[in-house]
């Protein structure tokens, strides 16, 4: 299938590694150009090189909690590649802990980055998109069912899913799509670090896989290919949707 990605340009935040980087790889492989951001300048530079260098990718070391970041990303895309067709908006997870154990400062910090940073980025990108543009929020299965020990995520991610629904209604008449993607367990660098930190990494990995109906942890490329499709013109009638990519692990409808 031709996804229609040739020469299209996408912004991907939090994409120096993990699922964002896997999506950037899938987009570039199908002919798109990408602008990626993350907080670590060295990792951003390494990711740009891995994506084929400046002909295919541009990078910006930035934090979505900074109000100036979304505009800088839009300007970089338009200045470097001459257009903008969409964005994958991802922000790192907030501190672990139950909702009641988190302090006001922790809630405020997470809200500024995870929630407001994502909303600000989406509305800035949407204002620059032509008809046929698309925005995808990278959220969590906590949108539909709480995850133990992740109280702040359980509180903020469902709200972002409703923001995406609201924006889909608002921008739909302009031909701009907005949707949410709910990743499950994937074997990212972060997952490997978490497994390595346990007393028995092999057992922890096996137990995590056994809890997934497909009996395995997903590979980042399996997420990236779905995300690239949803951002592409091939998914032109998909908007307002909440799409799980989780190997069947989520039990809610």
Protein backbone atom coordinates (compact mmCIF):
# COMPACT_ATOMS: atom_id res chain seq x y z
CA UNK A 1 0.00 0.00 0.00
CA UNK A 2 1.21 3.49 -0.85
CA UNK A 3 0.60 5.60 2.25
CA UNK A 4 1.01 8.83 0.31
CA UNK A 5 3.84 10.05 2.54
CA UNK A 6 6.30 11.07 -0.17
CA UNK A 7 7.72 14.52 0.59
CA UNK A 8 5.30 15.15 3.46
CA UNK A 9 6.73 16.69 6.62
CA UNK A 10 5.97 15.74 10.22
CA UNK A 11 7.01 17.00 13.64
CA UNK A 12 7.63 14.34 16.30
CA UNK A 13 8.25 15.36 19.90
CA UNK A 14 10.05 13.16 22.40
CA UNK A 15 11.41 11.27 19.42
CA UNK A 16 15.15 10.88 19.92
CA UNK A 17 14.52 7.23 20.83
CA UNK A 18 11.74 4.79 21.69
CA UNK A 19 8.34 4.85 20.04
CA UNK A 20 8.70 8.36 18.65
CA UNK A 21 11.95 7.46 16.92
CA UNK A 22 10.40 4.26 15.57
CA UNK A 23 7.60 6.34 14.06
CA UNK A 24 10.13 8.74 12.54
CA UNK A 25 11.90 5.75 10.97
CA UNK A 26 8.64 4.47 9.48
CA UNK A 27 7.75 7.89 8.08
CA UNK A 28 11.17 8.44 6.52
CA UNK A 29 11.20 4.93 5.07
CA UNK A 30 8.00 5.76 3.22
CA UNK A 31 9.33 9.03 1.78
CA UNK A 32 8.45 11.64 4.43
CA UNK A 33 10.71 14.20 6.09
CA UNK A 34 10.70 14.68 9.84
CA UNK A 35 11.54 17.25 12.50
CA UNK A 36 12.25 15.59 15.82
CA UNK A 37 12.67 17.06 19.28
CA UNK A 38 13.77 15.88 22.72
CA UNK A 39 15.49 17.47 25.69
CA UNK A 40 18.91 15.87 25.18
CA UNK A 41 20.85 17.63 22.41
CA UNK A 42 23.30 14.77 21.88
CA UNK A 43 20.53 12.19 21.51
CA UNK A 44 18.69 14.45 19.06
CA UNK A 45 21.81 14.76 16.92
CA UNK A 46 22.35 10.99 16.99
CA UNK A 47 18.73 10.38 15.98
CA UNK A 48 18.94 12.81 13.06
CA UNK A 49 22.06 11.03 11.82
CA UNK A 50 20.38 7.63 12.17
CA UNK A 51 17.43 8.86 10.12
CA UNK A 52 19.70 9.72 7.21
CA UNK A 53 20.98 13.17 8.10
CA UNK A 54 19.76 16.65 7.16
CA UNK A 55 18.25 15.57 3.83
CA UNK A 56 15.64 13.57 5.71
CA UNK A 57 15.51 14.92 9.24
CA UNK A 58 16.04 18.01 11.34
CA UNK A 59 16.32 18.14 15.11
CA UNK A 60 15.73 20.55 17.97
CA UNK A 61 16.76 20.09 21.59
CA UNK A 62 13.74 21.46 23.41
CA UNK A 63 11.15 20.84 26.12
CA UNK A 64 7.39 21.05 25.52
CA UNK A 65 6.96 22.78 28.88
CA UNK A 66 8.59 25.82 27.22
CA UNK A 67 5.82 27.85 25.55
CA UNK A 68 8.19 28.80 22.71
CA UNK A 69 8.95 25.21 21.66
CA UNK A 70 5.93 24.46 19.42
CA UNK A 71 6.42 27.59 17.35
CA UNK A 72 10.13 26.84 16.99
CA UNK A 73 9.32 23.35 15.73
CA UNK A 74 6.79 24.63 13.20
CA UNK A 75 9.22 27.26 11.95
CA UNK A 76 12.01 24.69 11.66
CA UNK A 77 9.83 22.36 9.60
CA UNK A 78 8.71 25.09 7.24
CA UNK A 79 12.15 26.69 6.92
CA UNK A 80 14.01 23.41 6.35
CA UNK A 81 11.50 21.45 4.28
CA UNK A 82 9.05 24.07 3.04
CA UNK A 83 5.85 22.61 4.47
CA UNK A 84 4.19 20.87 7.41
CA UNK A 85 1.67 18.03 7.25
CA UNK A 86 1.26 16.79 10.79
CA UNK A 87 2.71 15.88 14.16
CA UNK A 88 3.12 13.05 16.63
CA UNK A 89 2.96 14.62 20.08
CA UNK A 90 4.57 12.63 22.87
CA UNK A 91 5.70 13.67 26.34
CA UNK A 92 7.59 11.51 28.83
CA UNK A 93 5.64 9.93 31.67
CA UNK A 94 5.24 11.80 34.96
CA UNK A 95 6.70 10.63 38.27
CA UNK A 96 5.33 7.29 39.55
CA UNK A 97 3.20 7.07 42.66
CA UNK A 98 -0.45 6.98 43.63
CA UNK A 99 -2.65 9.98 42.90
CA UNK A 100 -3.03 10.77 46.59
CA UNK A 101 0.70 10.51 47.32
CA UNK A 102 1.70 13.13 44.75
CA UNK A 103 2.32 16.67 46.00
CA UNK A 104 0.80 19.81 44.55
CA UNK A 105 4.16 20.68 42.99
CA UNK A 106 4.36 17.28 41.29
CA UNK A 107 0.84 17.65 39.91
CA UNK A 108 1.56 21.18 38.65
CA UNK A 109 4.84 20.17 36.99
CA UNK A 110 3.19 17.22 35.27
CA UNK A 111 0.23 19.32 34.17
CA UNK A 112 2.52 21.96 32.63
CA UNK A 113 4.50 19.38 30.66
CA UNK A 114 2.23 16.41 29.99
CA UNK A 115 -1.09 18.20 29.61
CA UNK A 116 -0.60 21.87 28.78
CA UNK A 117 2.58 21.21 26.80
CA UNK A 118 0.74 18.71 24.61
CA UNK A 119 -2.31 20.94 24.13
CA UNK A 120 -0.15 23.94 23.26
CA UNK A 121 1.82 21.92 20.73
CA UNK A 122 -1.33 20.54 19.10
CA UNK A 123 -3.05 23.88 18.70
CA UNK A 124 0.14 25.52 17.36
CA UNK A 125 0.67 22.76 14.81
CA UNK A 126 -3.01 22.69 13.85
CA UNK A 127 -2.94 26.39 13.01
CA UNK A 128 -0.15 25.70 10.50
CA UNK A 129 -1.63 22.61 8.86
CA UNK A 130 -3.26 22.51 5.43
CA UNK A 131 -6.23 20.36 4.52
CA UNK A 132 -5.19 16.73 4.88
CA UNK A 133 -2.98 17.39 7.91
CA UNK A 134 -3.03 15.11 10.95
CA UNK A 135 -2.09 15.23 14.63
CA UNK A 136 -1.70 12.18 16.86
CA UNK A 137 -1.34 12.32 20.65
CA UNK A 138 0.75 9.51 22.14
CA UNK A 139 -1.08 8.69 25.36
CA UNK A 140 -1.38 5.50 27.41
CA UNK A 141 -3.74 2.64 28.12
CA UNK A 142 -4.49 4.58 31.32
CA UNK A 143 -6.95 6.50 29.13
CA UNK A 144 -9.32 3.54 29.53
CA UNK A 145 -8.12 1.76 32.66
CA UNK A 146 -5.91 2.98 35.51
CA UNK A 147 -2.37 1.68 35.81
CA UNK A 148 -1.19 0.82 39.31
CA UNK A 149 1.28 3.31 40.73
CA UNK A 150 0.84 5.88 37.96
CA UNK A 151 -1.70 8.20 39.54
CA UNK A 152 -0.75 11.37 37.68
CA UNK A 153 -0.83 9.61 34.32
CA UNK A 154 -4.20 8.10 35.24
CA UNK A 155 -5.45 11.61 35.93
CA UNK A 156 -4.04 13.50 32.94
CA UNK A 157 -4.04 11.07 30.00
CA UNK A 158 -7.84 10.60 29.82
CA UNK A 159 -8.23 14.37 29.73
CA UNK A 160 -5.87 14.59 26.78
CA UNK A 161 -7.88 11.96 24.94
CA UNK A 162 -10.96 14.17 25.35
CA UNK A 163 -8.95 17.19 24.19
CA UNK A 164 -8.09 15.24 21.04
CA UNK A 165 -11.80 14.48 20.53
CA UNK A 166 -12.66 18.15 20.97
CA UNK A 167 -9.94 19.24 18.55
CA UNK A 168 -11.10 16.63 16.02
CA UNK A 169 -14.52 18.32 16.07
CA UNK A 170 -13.02 21.80 15.80
CA UNK A 171 -10.50 21.17 13.04
CA UNK A 172 -12.44 18.55 11.08
CA UNK A 173 -14.22 21.11 8.87
CA UNK A 174 -10.77 22.28 7.74
CA UNK A 175 -9.85 18.71 6.79
CA UNK A 176 -7.39 18.35 9.69
CA UNK A 177 -7.55 15.09 11.66
CA UNK A 178 -6.77 14.65 15.36
CA UNK A 179 -6.56 11.30 17.16
CA UNK A 180 -4.98 9.46 20.08
CA UNK A 181 -2.76 6.37 20.14
CA UNK A 182 -2.53 4.18 23.23
CA UNK A 183 0.72 2.18 23.30
CA UNK A 184 1.02 -0.92 25.43
CA UNK A 185 4.27 -2.64 26.43
CA UNK A 186 7.13 -2.27 23.95
CA UNK A 187 10.77 -3.29 24.19
CA UNK A 188 12.21 0.20 24.17
CA UNK A 189 15.48 1.28 25.79
CA UNK A 190 13.44 2.46 28.76
CA UNK A 191 11.78 -0.94 29.13
CA UNK A 192 15.15 -2.66 29.03
CA UNK A 193 16.41 -0.31 31.75
CA UNK A 194 13.41 -1.08 33.95
CA UNK A 195 13.78 -4.83 33.49
CA UNK A 196 17.52 -4.61 34.16
CA UNK A 197 16.81 -2.84 37.44
CA UNK A 198 14.82 -5.81 38.81
CA UNK A 199 16.31 -8.67 40.84
CA UNK A 200 15.72 -11.09 37.96
CA UNK A 201 15.46 -9.31 34.58
CA UNK A 202 14.73 -12.48 32.61
CA UNK A 203 11.85 -13.46 34.88
CA UNK A 204 10.46 -9.92 34.91
CA UNK A 205 10.51 -9.82 31.12
CA UNK A 206 8.85 -13.23 30.83
CA UNK A 207 6.12 -12.30 33.31
CA UNK A 208 5.39 -9.06 31.44
CA UNK A 209 5.11 -10.96 28.15
CA UNK A 210 2.87 -13.63 29.70
CA UNK A 211 0.35 -10.96 30.72
CA UNK A 212 -0.15 -9.91 27.08
CA UNK A 213 -2.57 -11.97 24.95
CA UNK A 214 -0.02 -12.22 22.13
CA UNK A 215 2.44 -13.51 24.75
CA UNK A 216 5.22 -11.16 23.76
CA UNK A 217 6.35 -7.58 24.28
CA UNK A 218 6.00 -5.47 21.16
CA UNK A 219 8.88 -4.17 19.07
CA UNK A 220 8.99 -0.38 18.58
CA UNK A 221 8.72 -0.79 14.80
CA UNK A 222 5.30 -2.42 15.26
CA UNK A 223 4.11 0.77 16.91
CA UNK A 224 5.89 3.08 14.48
CA UNK A 225 4.25 1.49 11.46
CA UNK A 226 0.77 1.94 12.92
CA UNK A 227 1.46 5.54 13.93
CA UNK A 228 2.87 6.35 10.48
CA UNK A 229 -0.24 4.90 8.85
CA UNK A 230 -2.57 6.92 11.09
CA UNK A 231 -0.69 10.13 10.26
CA UNK A 232 -0.68 9.36 6.55
CA UNK A 233 -3.22 10.24 3.83
CA UNK A 234 -4.07 6.51 3.71
CA UNK A 235 -5.95 7.03 7.01
CA UNK A 236 -7.78 10.10 5.72
CA UNK A 237 -11.15 9.14 7.25
CA UNK A 238 -9.80 8.36 10.74
CA UNK A 239 -10.24 11.19 13.22
CA UNK A 240 -11.36 11.54 16.81
CA UNK A 241 -10.38 7.90 17.31
CA UNK A 242 -8.58 6.35 20.27
CA UNK A 243 -6.42 3.57 18.84
CA UNK A 244 -4.74 0.99 21.12
CA UNK A 245 -1.53 -0.66 19.96
CA UNK A 246 -0.99 -3.04 22.85
CA UNK A 247 -1.00 -6.68 21.77
CA UNK A 248 -4.50 -7.05 23.22
CA UNK A 249 -3.45 -6.32 26.82
CA UNK A 250 -6.11 -3.69 27.49
CA UNK A 251 -9.31 -5.31 28.73
CA UNK A 252 -11.64 -2.31 28.35
CA UNK A 253 -13.54 -1.75 25.10
